[in-house]
Amino acid sequence: MSIANRLVELGIVLPDSVPPLALYRPAVQFNDLVYVSGQLAIRDGETIYPGRLGAEVTVEQGQESARVALINSLAAIHNLLGTLEGIRILRLTGYVACTVEFHDQPAVINGASELLRDIIGEQLGVGSRLALGVTALPTNSPVEIELIIGINA
């Protein structure tokens, strides 16, 4: 099944690519690789669930934030390539704004990883991954997602 059909089946509509907050491109292609700049949990111009995990934001809200940031990442890829067909996830890096006592960063970033698996499939949608805890992220977003993808998989 195509990625476009899976998005429809899952009820996901890709938003317009979120405009950069500083001097960078949302996604850049080099040969058969695409590097996606960090995408935040922004929906309709607003950060969803602002704050940090372990304080104002629950794990479930963090997982939803990871899904929104991932959808923004896919929108950046689609804006660059004109399609999502033929992509393979090579690396997902997830940043979680959290307190020093919070240690469930992998569970939060699973929100993005599971959605990639559901959209692209186990073989091409699950790549290597890193989940990090940080003290703060832009716009007070609880999550930021960065991707490296291969194209023409």
N, C-alpha and C. Protein backbone atom coordinates (compact mmCIF):
# COMPACT_ATOMS: atom_id res chain seq x y z
N MET A 1 0.85 -1.18 0.00
CA MET A 1 0.00 0.00 0.00
C MET A 1 0.89 1.24 0.00
N SER A 2 0.49 2.25 -0.74
CA SER A 2 1.28 3.46 -0.83
C SER A 2 1.23 4.24 0.49
N ILE A 3 2.23 5.08 0.69
CA ILE A 3 2.26 5.93 1.89
C ILE A 3 1.09 6.90 1.86
N ALA A 4 0.77 7.44 0.70
CA ALA A 4 -0.37 8.36 0.59
C ALA A 4 -1.66 7.67 1.02
N ASN A 5 -1.86 6.43 0.61
CA ASN A 5 -3.06 5.69 1.01
C ASN A 5 -3.07 5.39 2.50
N ARG A 6 -1.90 5.07 3.06
CA ARG A 6 -1.83 4.81 4.51
C ARG A 6 -2.18 6.07 5.30
N LEU A 7 -1.70 7.24 4.84
CA LEU A 7 -2.04 8.49 5.52
C LEU A 7 -3.55 8.70 5.52
N VAL A 8 -4.19 8.46 4.37
CA VAL A 8 -5.64 8.61 4.29
C VAL A 8 -6.32 7.62 5.23
N GLU A 9 -5.87 6.37 5.18
CA GLU A 9 -6.45 5.33 6.04
C GLU A 9 -6.34 5.68 7.52
N LEU A 10 -5.22 6.31 7.90
CA LEU A 10 -5.00 6.68 9.31
C LEU A 10 -5.62 8.04 9.66
N GLY A 11 -6.21 8.70 8.67
CA GLY A 11 -6.84 10.00 8.93
C GLY A 11 -5.85 11.13 9.13
N ILE A 12 -4.67 11.00 8.54
CA ILE A 12 -3.62 12.02 8.71
C ILE A 12 -3.57 12.90 7.47
N VAL A 13 -3.69 14.19 7.68
CA VAL A 13 -3.53 15.17 6.61
C VAL A 13 -2.25 15.93 6.89
N LEU A 14 -1.32 15.91 5.95
CA LEU A 14 -0.07 16.64 6.14
C LEU A 14 -0.35 18.14 6.11
N PRO A 15 0.15 18.86 7.12
CA PRO A 15 -0.04 20.31 7.12
C PRO A 15 0.93 20.98 6.14
N ASP A 16 0.77 22.27 5.95
CA ASP A 16 1.80 23.02 5.25
C ASP A 16 3.07 22.90 6.08
N SER A 17 4.21 22.93 5.43
CA SER A 17 5.48 22.86 6.14
C SER A 17 5.58 24.04 7.11
N VAL A 18 5.99 23.76 8.35
CA VAL A 18 6.13 24.80 9.36
C VAL A 18 7.29 25.71 8.95
N PRO A 19 7.06 27.03 8.89
CA PRO A 19 8.15 27.94 8.50
C PRO A 19 9.31 27.87 9.50
N PRO A 20 10.53 27.99 9.01
CA PRO A 20 11.68 27.96 9.92
C PRO A 20 11.60 29.08 10.96
N LEU A 21 12.08 28.80 12.16
CA LEU A 21 12.11 29.78 13.23
C LEU A 21 13.39 30.61 13.22
N ALA A 22 14.35 30.19 12.41
CA ALA A 22 15.64 30.88 12.32
C ALA A 22 16.17 30.66 10.90
N LEU A 23 17.48 30.76 10.72
CA LEU A 23 18.08 30.64 9.39
C LEU A 23 18.47 29.18 9.12
N TYR A 24 17.57 28.44 8.51
CA TYR A 24 17.81 27.05 8.11
C TYR A 24 16.71 26.62 7.14
N ARG A 25 16.92 25.50 6.49
CA ARG A 25 15.90 24.92 5.62
C ARG A 25 15.23 23.77 6.38
N PRO A 26 13.93 23.61 6.22
CA PRO A 26 13.25 22.50 6.91
C PRO A 26 13.77 21.13 6.51
N ALA A 27 14.19 20.99 5.25
CA ALA A 27 14.74 19.72 4.77
C ALA A 27 15.68 20.00 3.61
N VAL A 28 16.75 19.20 3.53
CA VAL A 28 17.75 19.37 2.48
C VAL A 28 18.07 17.99 1.91
N GLN A 29 18.12 17.91 0.58
CA GLN A 29 18.47 16.67 -0.09
C GLN A 29 19.91 16.74 -0.56
N PHE A 30 20.65 15.64 -0.36
CA PHE A 30 21.99 15.48 -0.91
C PHE A 30 22.07 14.06 -1.45
N ASN A 31 22.18 13.94 -2.76
CA ASN A 31 22.16 12.63 -3.42
C ASN A 31 20.89 11.89 -3.03
N ASP A 32 21.02 10.70 -2.45
CA ASP A 32 19.82 9.94 -2.09
C ASP A 32 19.48 10.03 -0.61
N LEU A 33 19.95 11.09 0.05
CA LEU A 33 19.65 11.32 1.47
C LEU A 33 18.88 12.62 1.63
N VAL A 34 17.98 12.64 2.60
CA VAL A 34 17.30 13.87 3.00
C VAL A 34 17.51 14.04 4.49
N TYR A 35 17.98 15.22 4.86
CA TYR A 35 18.17 15.59 6.25
C TYR A 35 17.04 16.54 6.63
N VAL A 36 16.26 16.16 7.61
CA VAL A 36 15.13 16.98 8.05
C VAL A 36 15.54 17.70 9.33
N SER A 37 15.48 19.02 9.28
CA SER A 37 15.78 19.83 10.47
C SER A 37 14.80 19.49 11.59
N GLY A 38 15.20 19.79 12.80
CA GLY A 38 14.34 19.53 13.94
C GLY A 38 12.96 20.16 13.76
N GLN A 39 11.93 19.35 13.93
CA GLN A 39 10.54 19.80 13.82
C GLN A 39 9.90 19.71 15.20
N LEU A 40 9.14 20.74 15.53
CA LEU A 40 8.54 20.85 16.85
C LEU A 40 7.10 20.36 16.85
N ALA A 41 6.55 20.27 18.04
CA ALA A 41 5.15 19.86 18.21
C ALA A 41 4.24 21.07 18.05
N ILE A 42 4.17 21.56 16.81
CA ILE A 42 3.37 22.74 16.47
C ILE A 42 2.23 22.30 15.56
N ARG A 43 1.02 22.65 15.96
CA ARG A 43 -0.17 22.37 15.16
C ARG A 43 -0.95 23.67 15.01
N ASP A 44 -1.29 24.01 13.78
CA ASP A 44 -2.05 25.24 13.51
C ASP A 44 -1.38 26.47 14.12
N GLY A 45 -0.04 26.51 14.05
CA GLY A 45 0.71 27.66 14.52
C GLY A 45 0.94 27.73 16.02
N GLU A 46 0.47 26.73 16.76
CA GLU A 46 0.59 26.73 18.23
C GLU A 46 1.32 25.48 18.72
N THR A 47 2.15 25.66 19.73
CA THR A 47 2.79 24.51 20.38
C THR A 47 1.74 23.77 21.19
N ILE A 48 1.64 22.47 20.95
CA ILE A 48 0.70 21.69 21.76
C ILE A 48 1.42 21.25 23.04
N TYR A 49 0.72 21.23 24.13
CA TYR A 49 1.27 20.79 25.42
C TYR A 49 2.61 21.46 25.74
N PRO A 50 2.68 22.78 25.78
CA PRO A 50 3.96 23.43 26.10
C PRO A 50 4.43 23.04 27.50
N GLY A 51 5.74 22.90 27.63
CA GLY A 51 6.32 22.58 28.92
C GLY A 51 7.25 21.39 28.85
N ARG A 52 7.53 20.82 30.03
CA ARG A 52 8.50 19.74 30.13
C ARG A 52 7.87 18.47 30.69
N LEU A 53 8.36 17.36 30.19
CA LEU A 53 7.95 16.06 30.74
C LEU A 53 8.49 15.96 32.16
N GLY A 54 7.70 15.38 33.04
CA GLY A 54 8.09 15.28 34.45
C GLY A 54 7.62 16.49 35.23
N ALA A 55 7.05 17.47 34.55
CA ALA A 55 6.50 18.67 35.21
C ALA A 55 5.09 18.87 34.67
N GLU A 56 4.94 19.73 33.66
CA GLU A 56 3.61 20.08 33.15
C GLU A 56 3.04 19.09 32.14
N VAL A 57 3.87 18.25 31.54
CA VAL A 57 3.46 17.41 30.42
C VAL A 57 3.54 15.94 30.82
N THR A 58 2.48 15.18 30.51
CA THR A 58 2.44 13.75 30.80
C THR A 58 3.14 12.97 29.68
N VAL A 59 3.43 11.71 29.93
CA VAL A 59 4.03 10.85 28.91
C VAL A 59 3.09 10.75 27.71
N GLU A 60 1.79 10.59 27.95
CA GLU A 60 0.83 10.49 26.85
C GLU A 60 0.80 11.77 26.01
N GLN A 61 0.85 12.93 26.66
CA GLN A 61 0.91 14.20 25.94
C GLN A 61 2.23 14.32 25.18
N GLY A 62 3.31 13.82 25.77
CA GLY A 62 4.60 13.81 25.09
C GLY A 62 4.57 12.94 23.85
N GLN A 63 3.91 11.78 23.93
CA GLN A 63 3.80 10.89 22.77
C GLN A 63 3.00 11.56 21.66
N GLU A 64 1.91 12.24 22.01
CA GLU A 64 1.13 12.97 21.01
C GLU A 64 1.98 14.09 20.41
N SER A 65 2.77 14.76 21.23
CA SER A 65 3.67 15.81 20.74
C SER A 65 4.68 15.23 19.76
N ALA A 66 5.20 14.03 20.05
CA ALA A 66 6.14 13.37 19.14
C ALA A 66 5.46 13.05 17.81
N ARG A 67 4.21 12.62 17.85
CA ARG A 67 3.47 12.34 16.61
C ARG A 67 3.29 13.61 15.78
N VAL A 68 2.92 14.70 16.45
CA VAL A 68 2.73 15.97 15.73
C VAL A 68 4.04 16.44 15.11
N ALA A 69 5.14 16.36 15.87
CA ALA A 69 6.45 16.75 15.34
C ALA A 69 6.85 15.86 14.16
N LEU A 70 6.51 14.58 14.23
CA LEU A 70 6.80 13.67 13.13
C LEU A 70 5.97 14.03 11.90
N ILE A 71 4.71 14.33 12.07
CA ILE A 71 3.86 14.73 10.94
C ILE A 71 4.44 16.00 10.30
N ASN A 72 4.94 16.92 11.12
CA ASN A 72 5.59 18.12 10.57
C ASN A 72 6.86 17.75 9.80
N SER A 73 7.57 16.74 10.27
CA SER A 73 8.76 16.26 9.55
C SER A 73 8.38 15.68 8.20
N LEU A 74 7.31 14.88 8.17
CA LEU A 74 6.85 14.31 6.91
C LEU A 74 6.38 15.40 5.95
N ALA A 75 5.76 16.45 6.50
CA ALA A 75 5.34 17.59 5.66
C ALA A 75 6.56 18.27 5.04
N ALA A 76 7.65 18.40 5.80
CA ALA A 76 8.87 19.02 5.27
C ALA A 76 9.46 18.16 4.15
N ILE A 77 9.42 16.84 4.31
CA ILE A 77 9.91 15.93 3.26
C ILE A 77 9.03 16.05 2.02
N HIS A 78 7.73 16.02 2.23
CA HIS A 78 6.79 16.11 1.11
C HIS A 78 6.95 17.44 0.37
N ASN A 79 7.15 18.51 1.11
CA ASN A 79 7.35 19.82 0.50
C ASN A 79 8.61 19.84 -0.36
N LEU A 80 9.66 19.16 0.09
CA LEU A 80 10.92 19.12 -0.65
C LEU A 80 10.83 18.20 -1.87
N LEU A 81 10.31 16.99 -1.69
CA LEU A 81 10.34 15.97 -2.74
C LEU A 81 9.07 15.92 -3.58
N GLY A 82 7.97 16.44 -3.05
CA GLY A 82 6.70 16.35 -3.75
C GLY A 82 5.97 15.04 -3.53
N THR A 83 6.57 14.14 -2.77
CA THR A 83 5.99 12.83 -2.48
C THR A 83 6.67 12.25 -1.24
N LEU A 84 6.04 11.24 -0.67
CA LEU A 84 6.68 10.46 0.40
C LEU A 84 6.98 9.04 -0.08
N GLU A 85 6.57 8.74 -1.30
CA GLU A 85 6.80 7.39 -1.82
C GLU A 85 8.30 7.16 -2.02
N GLY A 86 8.75 5.95 -1.70
CA GLY A 86 10.13 5.58 -1.92
C GLY A 86 11.10 6.05 -0.84
N ILE A 87 10.56 6.45 0.34
CA ILE A 87 11.47 6.87 1.41
C ILE A 87 11.71 5.73 2.39
N ARG A 88 12.86 5.79 3.03
CA ARG A 88 13.23 4.83 4.08
C ARG A 88 13.80 5.63 5.24
N ILE A 89 13.33 5.32 6.45
CA ILE A 89 13.83 6.00 7.64
C ILE A 89 15.17 5.38 8.01
N LEU A 90 16.21 6.22 8.03
CA LEU A 90 17.53 5.75 8.43
C LEU A 90 17.81 6.08 9.89
N ARG A 91 17.42 7.29 10.32
CA ARG A 91 17.72 7.73 11.68
C ARG A 91 16.64 8.69 12.17
N LEU A 92 16.13 8.44 13.34
CA LEU A 92 15.22 9.35 14.02
C LEU A 92 15.91 9.79 15.30
N THR A 93 16.03 11.09 15.48
CA THR A 93 16.54 11.63 16.74
C THR A 93 15.41 12.40 17.40
N GLY A 94 15.14 12.06 18.64
CA GLY A 94 14.07 12.72 19.38
C GLY A 94 14.61 13.41 20.61
N TYR A 95 14.29 14.67 20.74
CA TYR A 95 14.69 15.47 21.90
C TYR A 95 13.45 15.68 22.77
N VAL A 96 13.59 15.42 24.05
CA VAL A 96 12.47 15.55 24.99
C VAL A 96 12.85 16.58 26.04
N ALA A 97 12.10 17.68 26.11
CA ALA A 97 12.30 18.66 27.16
C ALA A 97 11.74 18.07 28.45
N CYS A 98 12.60 17.98 29.47
CA CYS A 98 12.16 17.27 30.68
C CYS A 98 12.94 17.73 31.91
N THR A 99 12.41 17.32 33.05
CA THR A 99 13.11 17.56 34.31
C THR A 99 14.26 16.57 34.44
N VAL A 100 15.18 16.83 35.36
CA VAL A 100 16.32 15.92 35.54
C VAL A 100 15.88 14.58 36.09
N GLU A 101 14.72 14.52 36.72
CA GLU A 101 14.23 13.27 37.29
C GLU A 101 13.51 12.39 36.28
N PHE A 102 13.21 12.93 35.10
CA PHE A 102 12.44 12.19 34.11
C PHE A 102 13.37 11.29 33.31
N HIS A 103 12.99 10.01 33.18
CA HIS A 103 13.85 9.04 32.50
C HIS A 103 13.12 8.21 31.45
N ASP A 104 11.94 8.65 31.00
CA ASP A 104 11.16 7.87 30.04
C ASP A 104 11.19 8.48 28.63
N GLN A 105 12.32 9.07 28.26
CA GLN A 105 12.45 9.65 26.93
C GLN A 105 12.13 8.64 25.83
N PRO A 106 12.62 7.38 25.93
CA PRO A 106 12.29 6.42 24.87
C PRO A 106 10.79 6.20 24.70
N ALA A 107 10.05 6.16 25.80
CA ALA A 107 8.60 5.97 25.72
C ALA A 107 7.93 7.14 25.01
N VAL A 108 8.41 8.35 25.25
CA VAL A 108 7.86 9.53 24.59
C VAL A 108 8.12 9.47 23.09
N ILE A 109 9.34 9.18 22.70
CA ILE A 109 9.70 9.16 21.28
C ILE A 109 9.07 7.98 20.55
N ASN A 110 8.63 6.96 21.29
CA ASN A 110 7.87 5.88 20.67
C ASN A 110 6.63 6.40 19.94
N GLY A 111 6.09 7.52 20.39
CA GLY A 111 4.95 8.11 19.68
C GLY A 111 5.28 8.36 18.23
N ALA A 112 6.48 8.85 17.95
CA ALA A 112 6.91 9.10 16.57
C ALA A 112 7.29 7.79 15.88
N SER A 113 8.04 6.94 16.55
CA SER A 113 8.50 5.69 15.94
C SER A 113 7.34 4.78 15.55
N GLU A 114 6.36 4.66 16.42
CA GLU A 114 5.21 3.81 16.14
C GLU A 114 4.40 4.36 14.96
N LEU A 115 4.27 5.68 14.87
CA LEU A 115 3.54 6.26 13.76
C LEU A 115 4.27 6.05 12.44
N LEU A 116 5.60 6.18 12.45
CA LEU A 116 6.38 5.88 11.24
C LEU A 116 6.17 4.43 10.81
N ARG A 117 6.21 3.52 11.75
CA ARG A 117 5.98 2.10 11.44
C ARG A 117 4.60 1.91 10.83
N ASP A 118 3.60 2.58 11.40
CA ASP A 118 2.23 2.43 10.92
C ASP A 118 2.04 3.03 9.53
N ILE A 119 2.77 4.09 9.22
CA ILE A 119 2.63 4.76 7.92
C ILE A 119 3.46 4.07 6.84
N ILE A 120 4.72 3.79 7.14
CA ILE A 120 5.66 3.31 6.12
C ILE A 120 5.86 1.79 6.18
N GLY A 121 5.62 1.20 7.33
CA GLY A 121 5.82 -0.23 7.51
C GLY A 121 7.07 -0.52 8.32
N GLU A 122 7.13 -1.72 8.86
CA GLU A 122 8.23 -2.14 9.73
C GLU A 122 9.57 -2.09 9.01
N GLN A 123 9.62 -2.58 7.78
CA GLN A 123 10.88 -2.70 7.06
C GLN A 123 11.51 -1.35 6.74
N LEU A 124 10.73 -0.40 6.23
CA LEU A 124 11.27 0.89 5.79
C LEU A 124 11.02 2.02 6.78
N GLY A 125 10.08 1.83 7.69
CA GLY A 125 9.70 2.90 8.61
C GLY A 125 10.41 2.90 9.95
N VAL A 126 11.14 1.83 10.24
CA VAL A 126 11.86 1.75 11.53
C VAL A 126 13.35 1.73 11.23
N GLY A 127 14.04 2.76 11.67
CA GLY A 127 15.48 2.86 11.47
C GLY A 127 16.21 2.94 12.79
N SER A 128 17.41 3.46 12.77
CA SER A 128 18.12 3.66 14.03
C SER A 128 17.50 4.86 14.75
N ARG A 129 17.78 4.99 16.05
CA ARG A 129 17.08 6.01 16.82
C ARG A 129 17.90 6.46 18.01
N LEU A 130 17.69 7.70 18.40
CA LEU A 130 18.28 8.26 19.59
C LEU A 130 17.22 9.10 20.27
N ALA A 131 17.05 8.91 21.59
CA ALA A 131 16.10 9.69 22.38
C ALA A 131 16.88 10.37 23.50
N LEU A 132 16.85 11.70 23.49
CA LEU A 132 17.63 12.48 24.45
C LEU A 132 16.74 13.36 25.30
N GLY A 133 17.14 13.58 26.54
CA GLY A 133 16.47 14.54 27.41
C GLY A 133 17.25 15.84 27.41
N VAL A 134 16.54 16.97 27.28
CA VAL A 134 17.15 18.29 27.29
C VAL A 134 16.34 19.19 28.23
N THR A 135 16.95 20.30 28.63
CA THR A 135 16.26 21.18 29.59
C THR A 135 15.19 22.05 28.95
N ALA A 136 15.35 22.42 27.68
CA ALA A 136 14.37 23.28 27.02
C ALA A 136 14.48 23.14 25.51
N LEU A 137 13.36 23.41 24.83
CA LEU A 137 13.31 23.39 23.37
C LEU A 137 12.62 24.67 22.88
N PRO A 138 12.86 25.05 21.63
CA PRO A 138 12.21 26.25 21.09
C PRO A 138 10.68 26.19 21.22
N THR A 139 10.07 27.32 21.36
CA THR A 139 8.62 27.52 21.53
C THR A 139 8.05 26.79 22.74
N ASN A 140 8.92 26.36 23.64
CA ASN A 140 8.51 25.60 24.82
C ASN A 140 7.88 24.26 24.43
N SER A 141 8.27 23.76 23.24
CA SER A 141 7.78 22.47 22.77
C SER A 141 8.34 21.36 23.66
N PRO A 142 7.53 20.38 23.98
CA PRO A 142 8.04 19.27 24.80
C PRO A 142 8.89 18.28 24.01
N VAL A 143 8.77 18.31 22.66
CA VAL A 143 9.47 17.34 21.81
C VAL A 143 9.96 18.02 20.54
N GLU A 144 11.11 17.57 20.06
CA GLU A 144 11.62 17.96 18.74
C GLU A 144 12.10 16.69 18.05
N ILE A 145 11.73 16.53 16.79
CA ILE A 145 12.09 15.34 16.01
C ILE A 145 12.96 15.75 14.83
N GLU A 146 14.02 14.99 14.61
CA GLU A 146 14.94 15.19 13.48
C GLU A 146 15.06 13.86 12.75
N LEU A 147 15.08 13.90 11.42
CA LEU A 147 15.15 12.65 10.64
C LEU A 147 16.27 12.71 9.61
N ILE A 148 16.82 11.54 9.33
CA ILE A 148 17.64 11.31 8.14
C ILE A 148 16.95 10.19 7.39
N ILE A 149 16.64 10.45 6.12
CA ILE A 149 15.95 9.43 5.33
C ILE A 149 16.72 9.15 4.05
N GLY A 150 16.55 7.94 3.56
CA GLY A 150 17.03 7.56 2.24
C GLY A 150 15.86 7.62 1.29
N ILE A 151 16.13 7.97 0.03
CA ILE A 151 15.05 8.01 -0.94
C ILE A 151 15.29 6.99 -2.05
N ASN A 152 14.21 6.66 -2.73
CA ASN A 152 14.20 5.61 -3.76
C ASN A 152 14.53 4.25 -3.17
N ALA A 153 13.97 4.01 -1.98
CA ALA A 153 14.22 2.75 -1.25
C ALA A 153 13.65 1.56 -2.00
